[in-house]
N, C-alpha and C. Protein backbone atom coordinates (compact mmCIF):
# COMPACT_ATOMS: atom_id res chain seq x y z
N MET A 1 187.83 329.92 142.84
CA MET A 1 188.05 330.83 144.18
C MET A 1 186.63 331.21 144.71
N SER A 2 186.29 330.49 145.93
CA SER A 2 185.14 330.81 146.58
C SER A 2 184.95 332.25 146.95
N ALA A 3 183.67 332.79 147.27
CA ALA A 3 183.77 334.29 147.68
C ALA A 3 184.39 334.50 148.95
N ALA A 4 184.14 333.67 149.98
CA ALA A 4 185.03 333.67 151.18
C ALA A 4 186.56 333.80 150.90
N GLU A 5 187.17 332.99 150.04
CA GLU A 5 188.54 333.00 149.49
C GLU A 5 188.83 334.53 149.29
N ALA A 6 188.04 334.96 148.48
CA ALA A 6 188.30 336.13 147.73
C ALA A 6 188.05 337.48 148.29
N LEU A 7 187.45 337.34 149.78
CA LEU A 7 187.08 338.44 150.48
C LEU A 7 188.45 338.85 151.19
N ASP A 8 188.68 340.23 151.01
CA ASP A 8 189.72 340.83 151.83
C ASP A 8 189.82 340.37 153.48
N PRO A 9 191.08 339.96 153.81
CA PRO A 9 191.23 339.59 155.21
C PRO A 9 190.62 340.62 156.28
N ILE A 10 190.63 342.00 155.92
CA ILE A 10 190.16 342.93 156.80
C ILE A 10 188.67 342.79 156.71
N ASP A 11 188.25 342.85 155.62
CA ASP A 11 186.88 342.73 155.60
C ASP A 11 186.19 341.44 156.12
N ARG A 12 187.10 340.36 156.02
CA ARG A 12 186.52 339.26 156.51
C ARG A 12 186.41 339.26 157.83
N HIS A 13 187.57 339.85 158.55
CA HIS A 13 187.55 340.00 160.09
C HIS A 13 186.30 340.96 160.48
N ALA A 14 186.04 342.04 159.84
CA ALA A 14 185.04 342.71 160.33
C ALA A 14 183.81 342.14 160.36
N ARG A 15 183.45 341.53 159.15
CA ARG A 15 182.10 340.73 158.89
C ARG A 15 182.06 339.66 160.06
N LEU A 16 183.07 339.23 160.53
CA LEU A 16 182.89 338.07 161.54
C LEU A 16 182.77 338.74 162.85
N ASP A 17 183.34 339.75 162.94
CA ASP A 17 183.13 340.52 164.45
C ASP A 17 181.58 341.15 164.48
N ALA A 18 181.34 341.59 163.36
CA ALA A 18 179.74 341.94 163.33
C ALA A 18 178.92 340.82 163.56
N ALA A 19 178.98 339.88 163.10
CA ALA A 19 178.10 338.47 163.31
C ALA A 19 178.31 337.99 164.57
N SER A 20 179.52 338.20 165.34
CA SER A 20 179.93 337.64 166.83
C SER A 20 179.31 338.69 167.63
N ASN A 21 178.94 339.77 167.37
CA ASN A 21 178.30 340.83 168.47
C ASN A 21 177.04 341.31 167.62
N PRO A 22 176.06 340.69 167.52
CA PRO A 22 174.68 341.13 166.85
C PRO A 22 173.97 342.05 168.04
N ARG A 23 173.18 342.82 167.56
CA ARG A 23 172.29 343.53 168.10
C ARG A 23 170.81 343.11 167.92
N ARG A 24 170.08 343.42 169.02
CA ARG A 24 168.63 343.16 168.69
C ARG A 24 167.95 343.87 167.67
N ALA A 25 167.10 343.46 166.84
CA ALA A 25 166.58 344.20 165.60
C ALA A 25 165.34 344.91 166.24
N ALA A 26 165.12 346.00 165.69
CA ALA A 26 164.15 346.89 165.72
C ALA A 26 162.84 346.72 164.82
N LEU A 27 161.81 347.25 165.08
CA LEU A 27 160.55 347.19 164.04
C LEU A 27 160.96 347.70 162.72
N ASP A 28 161.91 348.77 162.75
CA ASP A 28 162.44 349.40 161.68
C ASP A 28 163.29 348.87 160.77
N ASP A 29 163.64 347.52 161.17
CA ASP A 29 164.66 346.66 160.46
C ASP A 29 163.85 345.73 159.59
N ALA A 30 162.80 345.56 159.96
CA ALA A 30 161.83 344.58 159.39
C ALA A 30 161.96 344.64 157.71
N ALA A 31 161.89 345.48 157.11
CA ALA A 31 161.99 345.62 155.70
C ALA A 31 163.50 345.20 155.47
N THR A 32 164.84 345.81 155.88
CA THR A 32 165.93 345.26 155.51
C THR A 32 165.98 343.96 155.66
N LEU A 33 165.72 343.23 156.88
CA LEU A 33 165.76 341.89 157.19
C LEU A 33 164.95 340.98 156.17
N SER A 34 163.92 341.64 155.82
CA SER A 34 163.12 340.67 154.93
C SER A 34 163.75 340.27 153.65
N ARG A 35 164.28 341.34 153.21
CA ARG A 35 165.05 341.11 151.85
C ARG A 35 166.34 340.35 151.99
N LEU A 36 166.95 340.17 153.14
CA LEU A 36 168.15 339.54 153.45
C LEU A 36 167.35 337.91 153.72
N PHE A 37 166.64 337.61 154.13
CA PHE A 37 165.92 336.41 154.60
C PHE A 37 165.40 335.97 153.27
N ALA A 38 164.56 336.75 152.38
CA ALA A 38 164.33 336.15 151.34
C ALA A 38 165.31 335.85 150.03
N ALA A 39 166.42 336.59 150.19
CA ALA A 39 167.58 336.21 149.29
C ALA A 39 168.20 334.83 149.89
N ALA A 40 168.60 334.84 151.13
CA ALA A 40 169.09 333.60 151.74
C ALA A 40 168.04 332.31 151.46
N PHE A 41 166.89 332.35 151.52
CA PHE A 41 166.08 331.25 151.10
C PHE A 41 165.34 331.07 149.96
N LEU A 42 165.80 331.97 149.09
CA LEU A 42 165.34 332.00 147.47
C LEU A 42 165.62 330.47 147.07
N THR A 43 166.61 329.56 147.15
CA THR A 43 166.54 328.55 146.76
C THR A 43 166.87 327.12 147.74
N ASP A 44 166.36 327.62 149.06
CA ASP A 44 166.43 326.62 150.08
C ASP A 44 165.39 325.52 149.58
N PRO A 45 165.99 324.26 149.93
CA PRO A 45 165.05 323.01 149.30
C PRO A 45 163.45 322.96 149.70
N VAL A 46 163.22 323.36 150.91
CA VAL A 46 161.98 323.30 151.65
C VAL A 46 161.05 324.38 151.06
N PHE A 47 161.51 325.64 150.87
CA PHE A 47 160.92 326.87 150.26
C PHE A 47 160.81 326.57 148.67
N ASP A 48 161.77 325.88 148.12
CA ASP A 48 161.71 325.65 146.61
C ASP A 48 160.43 324.72 146.57
N TRP A 49 160.09 323.73 147.60
CA TRP A 49 158.90 322.89 147.48
C TRP A 49 157.61 323.85 147.57
N ILE A 50 157.57 324.79 148.41
CA ILE A 50 156.45 325.32 148.96
C ILE A 50 156.14 326.69 148.16
N ALA A 51 157.17 327.52 147.82
CA ALA A 51 157.08 328.78 147.27
C ALA A 51 156.75 328.78 145.43
N ARG A 52 156.07 329.54 145.24
CA ARG A 52 155.72 329.45 143.83
C ARG A 52 156.98 329.75 142.87
N PRO A 53 156.94 329.14 141.68
CA PRO A 53 158.23 329.28 140.96
C PRO A 53 158.05 330.93 140.21
N GLY A 54 159.31 331.02 139.49
CA GLY A 54 159.17 332.03 138.66
C GLY A 54 159.60 333.70 139.49
N PRO A 55 159.22 334.71 138.49
CA PRO A 55 159.85 335.89 139.05
C PRO A 55 159.08 336.54 140.65
N LYS A 56 157.93 335.90 140.63
CA LYS A 56 157.14 336.59 141.77
C LYS A 56 157.52 335.71 143.14
N ARG A 57 158.49 334.90 143.07
CA ARG A 57 158.83 334.02 144.31
C ARG A 57 159.49 334.97 145.21
N SER A 58 160.43 335.76 144.62
CA SER A 58 161.27 336.78 145.55
C SER A 58 160.26 337.66 146.29
N THR A 59 159.43 338.09 145.71
CA THR A 59 158.53 339.14 146.41
C THR A 59 157.56 338.43 147.50
N GLY A 60 157.27 337.21 146.94
CA GLY A 60 156.36 336.67 148.13
C GLY A 60 156.99 336.07 149.25
N LEU A 61 158.43 335.88 148.95
CA LEU A 61 159.26 335.42 150.17
C LEU A 61 159.36 336.76 151.07
N GLN A 62 159.67 338.00 150.34
CA GLN A 62 160.14 339.11 151.17
C GLN A 62 158.71 339.58 151.98
N ARG A 63 157.54 339.37 151.45
CA ARG A 63 156.27 339.83 152.14
C ARG A 63 156.20 338.78 153.38
N PHE A 64 156.37 337.46 153.25
CA PHE A 64 156.07 336.53 154.07
C PHE A 64 157.25 336.93 155.32
N PHE A 65 158.47 337.02 155.20
CA PHE A 65 159.39 337.37 155.98
C PHE A 65 159.00 338.60 156.81
N PHE A 66 158.57 339.56 156.08
CA PHE A 66 158.24 341.09 156.59
C PHE A 66 157.33 340.54 157.76
N TRP A 67 156.14 340.28 157.27
CA TRP A 67 155.22 339.70 158.22
C TRP A 67 155.54 338.87 159.26
N LEU A 68 156.43 338.05 159.27
CA LEU A 68 156.93 337.18 160.39
C LEU A 68 157.77 337.99 161.01
N LEU A 69 158.64 338.78 160.62
CA LEU A 69 159.58 339.71 161.43
C LEU A 69 158.76 340.85 162.36
N ARG A 70 157.95 341.29 161.29
CA ARG A 70 157.59 342.78 162.22
C ARG A 70 156.41 342.24 163.05
N THR A 71 155.59 341.36 162.66
CA THR A 71 154.41 340.88 163.73
C THR A 71 154.64 339.78 164.66
N ARG A 72 155.41 338.82 164.12
CA ARG A 72 155.73 337.46 165.05
C ARG A 72 156.81 337.51 165.87
N ALA A 73 158.16 338.16 165.27
CA ALA A 73 159.41 337.91 166.03
C ALA A 73 159.98 338.90 166.42
N ILE A 74 160.12 340.14 165.79
CA ILE A 74 160.83 341.33 166.44
C ILE A 74 160.04 341.73 167.85
N PRO A 75 158.85 341.73 168.02
CA PRO A 75 158.10 342.30 169.18
C PRO A 75 158.58 341.25 170.22
N PHE A 76 159.15 340.16 170.48
CA PHE A 76 159.56 339.45 171.31
C PHE A 76 160.91 339.57 171.70
N GLY A 77 161.72 340.50 170.98
CA GLY A 77 162.81 340.71 171.29
C GLY A 77 164.19 339.87 171.08
N GLU A 78 163.85 338.85 170.29
CA GLU A 78 164.97 337.73 170.18
C GLU A 78 165.36 337.65 168.56
N VAL A 79 165.11 338.57 167.80
CA VAL A 79 165.72 338.75 166.51
C VAL A 79 167.00 339.45 166.60
N TRP A 80 168.05 338.71 166.21
CA TRP A 80 169.50 339.47 166.30
C TRP A 80 170.13 339.50 164.82
N MET A 81 170.87 340.78 164.55
CA MET A 81 171.39 341.16 163.27
C MET A 81 172.68 341.67 163.52
N SER A 82 173.54 341.37 162.58
CA SER A 82 174.81 341.93 162.77
C SER A 82 174.67 343.56 162.09
N SER A 83 175.57 344.29 162.71
CA SER A 83 175.53 345.73 162.26
C SER A 83 175.61 346.01 160.83
N ASP A 84 175.94 345.25 159.78
CA ASP A 84 176.10 345.22 158.47
C ASP A 84 174.97 344.66 157.96
N ALA A 85 174.03 344.24 158.74
CA ALA A 85 172.79 343.56 158.16
C ALA A 85 172.95 342.37 157.07
N CYS A 86 174.16 341.58 157.37
CA CYS A 86 174.44 340.66 156.35
C CYS A 86 174.16 339.15 156.97
N THR A 87 173.97 339.23 158.31
CA THR A 87 173.65 338.17 158.95
C THR A 87 172.39 338.39 160.06
N ALA A 88 171.72 337.42 160.17
CA ALA A 88 170.38 337.59 161.19
C ALA A 88 170.18 336.20 161.61
N ALA A 89 169.38 336.13 162.99
CA ALA A 89 168.76 334.93 163.30
C ALA A 89 167.63 335.24 163.89
N ALA A 90 166.16 334.82 163.79
CA ALA A 90 165.17 335.30 164.14
C ALA A 90 164.69 333.74 165.08
N TRP A 91 164.52 334.23 166.46
CA TRP A 91 164.23 333.21 167.45
C TRP A 91 162.84 333.77 168.03
N LEU A 92 162.28 332.66 168.54
CA LEU A 92 161.14 332.90 169.39
C LEU A 92 161.36 332.40 170.98
N PRO A 93 161.11 333.16 171.82
CA PRO A 93 161.56 332.98 173.48
C PRO A 93 160.49 331.86 173.77
N PRO A 94 160.88 331.12 174.78
CA PRO A 94 159.88 330.27 175.40
C PRO A 94 158.45 330.37 175.68
N ASP A 95 158.23 331.69 175.98
CA ASP A 95 156.72 332.30 176.27
C ASP A 95 156.19 332.68 175.08
N ALA A 96 156.57 332.65 173.90
CA ALA A 96 155.99 332.84 172.67
C ALA A 96 155.29 331.59 171.87
N PRO A 97 153.94 332.02 171.23
CA PRO A 97 153.38 330.81 170.60
C PRO A 97 154.22 330.58 169.29
N ALA A 98 154.33 329.37 168.97
CA ALA A 98 155.06 328.79 167.66
C ALA A 98 154.23 329.22 166.60
N SER A 99 153.08 329.46 166.58
CA SER A 99 152.29 329.78 165.14
C SER A 99 151.15 330.75 165.62
N PRO A 100 150.52 331.43 164.58
CA PRO A 100 149.40 332.22 164.80
C PRO A 100 148.45 331.69 165.25
N GLY A 101 147.77 332.07 166.27
CA GLY A 101 146.53 331.61 167.07
C GLY A 101 145.00 332.14 166.61
N GLY A 102 144.23 331.13 166.61
CA GLY A 102 142.88 331.49 166.36
C GLY A 102 142.50 331.44 164.95
N PHE A 103 141.28 330.89 164.48
CA PHE A 103 140.74 330.78 163.13
C PHE A 103 141.11 331.94 162.46
N LEU A 104 140.36 333.11 163.14
CA LEU A 104 140.45 334.45 162.31
C LEU A 104 141.57 335.01 162.07
N GLU A 105 142.54 334.83 162.93
CA GLU A 105 143.96 335.39 162.57
C GLU A 105 144.67 334.47 161.35
N GLN A 106 144.21 333.26 161.22
CA GLN A 106 144.70 332.39 160.12
C GLN A 106 144.01 332.61 158.75
N MET A 107 142.85 333.02 158.91
CA MET A 107 142.00 333.68 157.61
C MET A 107 142.83 334.81 157.37
N ARG A 108 143.06 335.59 157.99
CA ARG A 108 143.53 336.92 157.67
C ARG A 108 145.08 336.69 156.84
N LEU A 109 145.75 335.77 157.23
CA LEU A 109 146.95 335.44 156.62
C LEU A 109 146.72 334.59 155.37
N VAL A 110 145.61 334.18 154.81
CA VAL A 110 145.65 333.31 153.57
C VAL A 110 146.07 334.21 152.54
N PRO A 111 145.80 335.52 152.15
CA PRO A 111 146.39 336.42 151.04
C PRO A 111 147.74 336.28 151.09
N LEU A 112 148.36 336.31 152.14
CA LEU A 112 149.89 336.20 152.30
C LEU A 112 150.57 335.08 151.84
N PHE A 113 149.75 333.87 152.30
CA PHE A 113 150.37 332.68 151.78
C PHE A 113 150.01 332.25 150.28
N VAL A 114 149.17 332.81 149.72
CA VAL A 114 148.68 332.84 148.38
C VAL A 114 149.75 333.42 147.53
N ARG A 115 150.18 334.49 148.15
CA ARG A 115 151.34 335.25 147.44
C ARG A 115 152.73 334.53 147.61
N LEU A 116 152.77 333.73 148.42
CA LEU A 116 154.26 333.08 148.69
C LEU A 116 154.05 331.75 147.93
N CYS A 117 152.99 330.98 148.07
CA CYS A 117 152.78 329.71 147.34
C CYS A 117 152.32 329.70 146.01
N GLY A 118 151.34 330.66 145.85
CA GLY A 118 150.42 330.41 144.47
C GLY A 118 149.48 329.44 144.69
N PHE A 119 148.37 329.40 143.97
CA PHE A 119 147.06 328.73 144.36
C PHE A 119 147.65 327.07 144.17
N PRO A 120 148.47 326.72 143.23
CA PRO A 120 148.74 325.47 142.98
C PRO A 120 149.59 324.98 144.05
N ARG A 121 150.44 325.83 144.87
CA ARG A 121 151.07 325.08 145.92
C ARG A 121 150.67 325.57 147.21
N LEU A 122 149.55 325.94 147.58
CA LEU A 122 148.97 326.43 148.64
C LEU A 122 148.63 325.20 149.69
N SER A 123 148.35 323.98 149.12
CA SER A 123 148.30 322.94 149.77
C SER A 123 149.60 322.49 150.42
N ARG A 124 150.62 322.65 149.66
CA ARG A 124 151.88 322.39 150.07
C ARG A 124 152.19 322.89 151.26
N GLY A 125 151.91 324.29 151.31
CA GLY A 125 152.44 325.20 152.28
C GLY A 125 151.68 324.95 153.65
N SER A 126 150.20 324.64 153.49
CA SER A 126 149.29 324.28 154.43
C SER A 126 149.91 322.67 155.23
N ALA A 127 150.33 321.78 154.32
CA ALA A 127 150.81 320.61 154.82
C ALA A 127 151.90 320.85 155.66
N MET A 128 152.81 321.68 155.17
CA MET A 128 154.35 321.85 155.60
C MET A 128 153.99 322.66 157.19
N ALA A 129 153.05 323.45 157.40
CA ALA A 129 152.83 324.44 158.27
C ALA A 129 152.19 323.49 159.39
N GLU A 130 151.23 322.45 159.07
CA GLU A 130 150.58 321.58 159.90
C GLU A 130 151.61 320.44 160.46
N ALA A 131 152.53 319.85 159.78
CA ALA A 131 153.49 319.30 160.01
C ALA A 131 154.50 319.83 161.16
N MET A 132 154.73 320.91 161.10
CA MET A 132 155.70 321.80 162.07
C MET A 132 155.20 321.95 163.08
N GLU A 133 153.83 322.37 163.03
CA GLU A 133 153.06 322.65 164.35
C GLU A 133 152.71 321.33 165.28
N GLN A 134 152.35 320.24 164.54
CA GLN A 134 152.24 319.11 165.28
C GLN A 134 153.61 318.42 165.77
N SER A 135 154.64 318.84 165.53
CA SER A 135 155.84 318.24 165.83
C SER A 135 156.51 319.22 166.65
N HIS A 136 156.03 320.37 167.02
CA HIS A 136 156.88 321.32 167.89
C HIS A 136 156.82 320.78 169.21
N PRO A 137 158.04 320.75 170.00
CA PRO A 137 158.14 320.59 171.42
C PRO A 137 157.17 321.01 172.40
N ASP A 138 156.72 320.37 173.47
CA ASP A 138 155.98 321.06 174.39
C ASP A 138 156.95 321.30 175.41
N ASP A 139 158.29 321.06 175.55
CA ASP A 139 159.23 321.55 176.54
C ASP A 139 159.60 322.83 176.30
N ALA A 140 159.69 323.63 177.22
CA ALA A 140 160.03 325.02 177.10
C ALA A 140 161.57 325.14 176.49
N HIS A 141 161.53 326.20 175.42
CA HIS A 141 162.78 326.34 174.39
C HIS A 141 162.72 327.67 173.79
N PHE A 142 163.92 327.98 173.44
CA PHE A 142 164.02 329.03 172.33
C PHE A 142 164.07 328.20 170.94
N TYR A 143 163.08 328.84 170.05
CA TYR A 143 163.08 328.40 168.78
C TYR A 143 163.59 329.25 167.72
N LEU A 144 164.50 328.55 167.08
CA LEU A 144 165.20 329.32 165.79
C LEU A 144 164.39 329.08 164.65
N ALA A 145 163.60 330.18 164.42
CA ALA A 145 162.73 329.94 163.25
C ALA A 145 163.39 330.07 162.05
N PHE A 146 164.45 331.07 161.76
CA PHE A 146 165.19 331.33 160.71
C PHE A 146 166.41 331.86 160.77
N ILE A 147 167.44 331.50 160.30
CA ILE A 147 168.87 332.13 160.22
C ILE A 147 169.48 332.38 158.92
N ALA A 148 169.88 333.51 158.86
CA ALA A 148 170.23 333.98 157.41
C ALA A 148 171.51 334.51 157.03
N VAL A 149 172.23 334.21 156.16
CA VAL A 149 173.44 335.01 155.86
C VAL A 149 173.47 335.28 154.10
N ALA A 150 173.70 336.75 154.01
CA ALA A 150 173.84 337.11 152.61
C ALA A 150 174.32 336.25 151.58
N PRO A 151 173.81 335.81 150.48
CA PRO A 151 174.11 334.63 149.53
C PRO A 151 175.61 334.85 149.10
N ARG A 152 176.15 336.18 149.07
CA ARG A 152 177.42 336.41 148.35
C ARG A 152 178.39 336.00 149.70
N LEU A 153 177.97 335.83 151.01
CA LEU A 153 178.93 335.75 152.14
C LEU A 153 178.71 334.35 152.72
N GLN A 154 178.00 333.47 152.25
CA GLN A 154 177.83 332.12 152.77
C GLN A 154 178.92 331.41 152.61
N GLY A 155 179.20 330.46 153.56
CA GLY A 155 180.58 329.52 153.50
C GLY A 155 181.50 330.33 154.23
N PHE A 156 181.10 331.34 154.83
CA PHE A 156 182.11 332.33 155.32
C PHE A 156 182.42 332.35 156.92
N GLY A 157 181.37 331.58 157.57
CA GLY A 157 181.43 331.36 158.90
C GLY A 157 180.58 332.34 159.65
N LEU A 158 179.90 333.04 158.79
CA LEU A 158 178.87 334.12 159.53
C LEU A 158 177.87 333.46 160.22
N GLY A 159 177.43 332.62 159.74
CA GLY A 159 176.17 331.77 160.42
C GLY A 159 176.57 331.39 161.68
N SER A 160 177.60 330.76 161.78
CA SER A 160 178.20 330.09 162.86
C SER A 160 178.59 331.04 164.02
N ALA A 161 179.09 332.39 163.55
CA ALA A 161 179.54 333.25 164.74
C ALA A 161 177.96 333.74 165.31
N ILE A 162 177.02 334.09 164.31
CA ILE A 162 175.86 334.67 165.08
C ILE A 162 175.17 333.54 165.89
N LEU A 163 175.26 332.24 165.28
CA LEU A 163 174.61 331.41 166.26
C LEU A 163 175.44 331.00 167.64
N GLU A 164 176.55 331.22 167.50
CA GLU A 164 177.50 330.73 168.79
C GLU A 164 177.03 332.01 169.76
N SER A 165 176.96 333.15 169.15
CA SER A 165 176.59 334.31 170.16
C SER A 165 175.33 334.21 170.82
N ASN A 166 174.33 333.78 170.03
CA ASN A 166 172.84 333.67 170.62
C ASN A 166 173.00 332.47 171.34
N LEU A 167 173.55 331.33 171.23
CA LEU A 167 173.66 330.18 172.21
C LEU A 167 174.17 330.39 173.63
N LYS A 168 175.43 331.54 173.46
CA LYS A 168 175.99 331.59 174.65
C LYS A 168 174.78 332.28 175.64
N ARG A 169 174.06 333.31 175.03
CA ARG A 169 173.11 334.00 175.86
C ARG A 169 171.85 332.89 176.11
N ILE A 170 171.48 332.10 175.40
CA ILE A 170 170.70 331.09 175.88
C ILE A 170 171.28 330.21 176.75
N ASP A 171 172.29 329.59 176.76
CA ASP A 171 173.03 328.75 177.63
C ASP A 171 173.11 329.56 179.20
N ALA A 172 173.31 330.91 179.06
CA ALA A 172 173.23 331.82 180.44
C ALA A 172 172.08 331.70 180.97
N LEU A 173 170.80 331.39 180.37
CA LEU A 173 169.53 331.40 180.86
C LEU A 173 169.20 330.15 181.13
N GLY A 174 170.01 328.94 180.98
CA GLY A 174 169.98 327.75 181.38
C GLY A 174 168.48 327.12 180.59
N ALA A 175 168.27 327.52 179.08
CA ALA A 175 167.34 327.18 178.32
C ALA A 175 167.87 326.20 177.25
N ALA A 176 166.76 325.61 176.70
CA ALA A 176 166.95 324.35 175.65
C ALA A 176 166.87 325.36 174.34
N ALA A 177 167.02 324.58 173.20
CA ALA A 177 166.71 325.31 171.97
C ALA A 177 166.35 324.23 170.58
N TYR A 178 165.41 324.74 170.02
CA TYR A 178 165.06 323.97 168.92
C TYR A 178 165.07 324.67 167.75
N LEU A 179 165.15 324.05 166.41
CA LEU A 179 165.15 324.29 165.09
C LEU A 179 164.68 323.14 164.09
N GLU A 180 164.22 323.83 162.83
CA GLU A 180 163.79 322.81 162.14
C GLU A 180 164.87 323.07 160.72
N ASN A 181 165.70 321.94 160.41
CA ASN A 181 166.55 322.23 159.22
C ASN A 181 166.20 321.96 158.20
N SER A 182 166.08 322.78 157.14
CA SER A 182 165.35 322.74 155.86
C SER A 182 166.63 322.26 154.96
N ASN A 183 167.86 322.52 155.19
CA ASN A 183 168.86 322.29 154.16
C ASN A 183 169.80 321.45 154.83
N PRO A 184 169.88 320.18 154.27
CA PRO A 184 170.97 319.11 154.63
C PRO A 184 172.35 319.68 154.51
N LYS A 185 172.89 320.85 153.91
CA LYS A 185 174.13 321.36 153.95
C LYS A 185 174.47 322.09 155.26
N ASN A 186 173.28 322.17 156.03
CA ASN A 186 173.57 323.01 157.45
C ASN A 186 173.53 322.02 158.68
N ALA A 187 173.39 320.65 158.45
CA ALA A 187 173.42 319.72 159.41
C ALA A 187 174.71 319.71 160.32
N ARG A 188 175.86 319.88 159.64
CA ARG A 188 177.04 319.73 160.46
C ARG A 188 177.18 321.20 161.46
N LEU A 189 176.65 321.98 160.68
CA LEU A 189 176.78 323.61 161.47
C LEU A 189 176.01 323.22 162.85
N TYR A 190 174.78 322.87 162.85
CA TYR A 190 173.94 322.75 163.94
C TYR A 190 174.58 321.72 164.81
N GLU A 191 174.91 320.46 164.32
CA GLU A 191 175.61 319.40 165.14
C GLU A 191 176.62 319.98 165.75
N ARG A 192 177.58 320.78 165.15
CA ARG A 192 178.76 321.22 166.13
C ARG A 192 178.35 322.10 167.12
N HIS A 193 177.20 322.83 167.18
CA HIS A 193 176.58 323.69 168.09
C HIS A 193 175.89 323.07 169.01
N GLY A 194 175.86 321.90 169.05
CA GLY A 194 175.19 320.85 170.12
C GLY A 194 173.75 320.47 169.66
N PHE A 195 173.03 320.68 168.68
CA PHE A 195 171.84 320.37 168.41
C PHE A 195 171.93 318.82 167.81
N ILE A 196 170.83 318.13 168.23
CA ILE A 196 170.79 316.63 167.89
C ILE A 196 169.47 316.53 166.86
N ALA A 197 169.63 315.82 165.99
CA ALA A 197 168.62 315.30 164.81
C ALA A 197 167.53 314.55 165.66
N ARG A 198 166.39 314.92 165.48
CA ARG A 198 165.27 314.16 165.95
C ARG A 198 164.78 313.15 164.93
N LYS A 199 164.03 313.67 164.13
CA LYS A 199 163.37 313.12 162.92
C LYS A 199 163.10 313.91 161.78
N ASN A 200 162.81 313.32 160.67
CA ASN A 200 162.33 314.20 159.59
C ASN A 200 160.78 314.49 159.72
N ILE A 201 160.31 315.68 159.76
CA ILE A 201 158.83 315.98 160.04
C ILE A 201 158.40 316.41 158.77
N ALA A 202 158.83 316.44 157.83
CA ALA A 202 158.14 316.83 156.56
C ALA A 202 156.99 315.93 156.22
N PRO A 203 155.97 316.46 155.34
CA PRO A 203 154.95 315.88 155.04
C PRO A 203 155.33 314.81 153.69
N ARG A 204 154.73 314.09 153.47
CA ARG A 204 154.88 313.24 152.25
C ARG A 204 155.07 313.95 150.91
N GLY A 205 156.24 313.63 150.24
CA GLY A 205 156.57 314.01 149.13
C GLY A 205 157.53 315.35 149.25
N ALA A 206 157.66 315.78 150.46
CA ALA A 206 158.38 317.02 150.56
C ALA A 206 159.86 316.82 150.55
N PRO A 207 160.69 317.88 150.49
CA PRO A 207 162.05 317.59 150.92
C PRO A 207 162.04 317.32 152.41
N PRO A 208 163.46 316.70 152.94
CA PRO A 208 163.27 316.67 154.55
C PRO A 208 163.44 318.11 155.14
N LEU A 209 162.68 317.92 156.40
CA LEU A 209 162.64 318.97 157.26
C LEU A 209 162.86 318.41 158.65
N VAL A 210 164.26 318.49 159.07
CA VAL A 210 164.66 317.61 160.17
C VAL A 210 164.60 318.49 161.61
N ALA A 211 163.89 317.84 162.43
CA ALA A 211 163.72 318.59 163.83
C ALA A 211 165.00 318.42 164.48
N MET A 212 165.58 319.15 165.40
CA MET A 212 166.87 319.31 165.96
C MET A 212 166.82 319.94 167.38
N TRP A 213 167.17 319.24 168.30
CA TRP A 213 167.10 319.76 169.69
C TRP A 213 168.26 319.84 170.57
N ARG A 214 168.60 320.92 171.21
CA ARG A 214 169.59 321.18 171.81
C ARG A 214 169.46 321.37 173.36
N SER A 215 169.76 320.48 174.26
CA SER A 215 169.12 320.43 175.63
C SER A 215 169.93 321.64 176.50
N ALA A 216 169.18 322.24 177.48
CA ALA A 216 169.80 323.28 178.19
C ALA A 216 171.36 322.84 178.45
N GLN A 217 172.28 323.72 178.48
CA GLN A 217 173.55 323.70 178.84
C GLN A 217 174.02 324.46 179.82
N ALA A 218 175.05 324.09 180.46
CA ALA A 218 175.89 325.07 181.49
C ALA A 218 176.33 326.21 180.77
N ALA A 219 176.28 327.25 181.34
CA ALA A 219 176.99 328.57 180.90
C ALA A 219 178.03 328.50 180.51
N HIS A 220 178.91 328.81 179.35
CA HIS A 220 180.36 328.76 179.04
C HIS A 220 180.86 329.93 179.98
């Protein structure tokens, strides 16, 4: 029996309702959400290739997501989370830069990426980041950097619920959306919500990272 099947129907309804009606994350939520994203991406194929193996991986992921959320994503107001903090989606709006700017800023991030990748895999992280930046669309769009569901609740429809809620808002604004799918298991989820696969943008030797685009749609 799966975790979703074992979940109490009342609890299931409450979880789905929370994911379908997310709130904007605040800076104070960064620590909580960094743990959620780290747990959700601990065995993700692309992060499995990039991140250091062993017990330090979880800590490295948490520090990476904390930096991403607190410094890059939450200040733009497009990080959304369920009230139970079991589901979250980190977006960047059209006017946000897709990557850190400037040489000095990137140098300040080196220790962060060393903790995430370890020295042996640092070149992998650099190659993946470069591939993502080079392939990022020039057209205005909302960028779904990461979406996460607590591992014990995956397969329960929470990711679909928060994604649908976010896309309704994006459709109301008449905007396009873009993401990079790092897990083939999620392809059908994104396709059901109107994303179309463009190409694999991963560097040589890496697991697939598929760029997916969703054109601006009429508001529902």
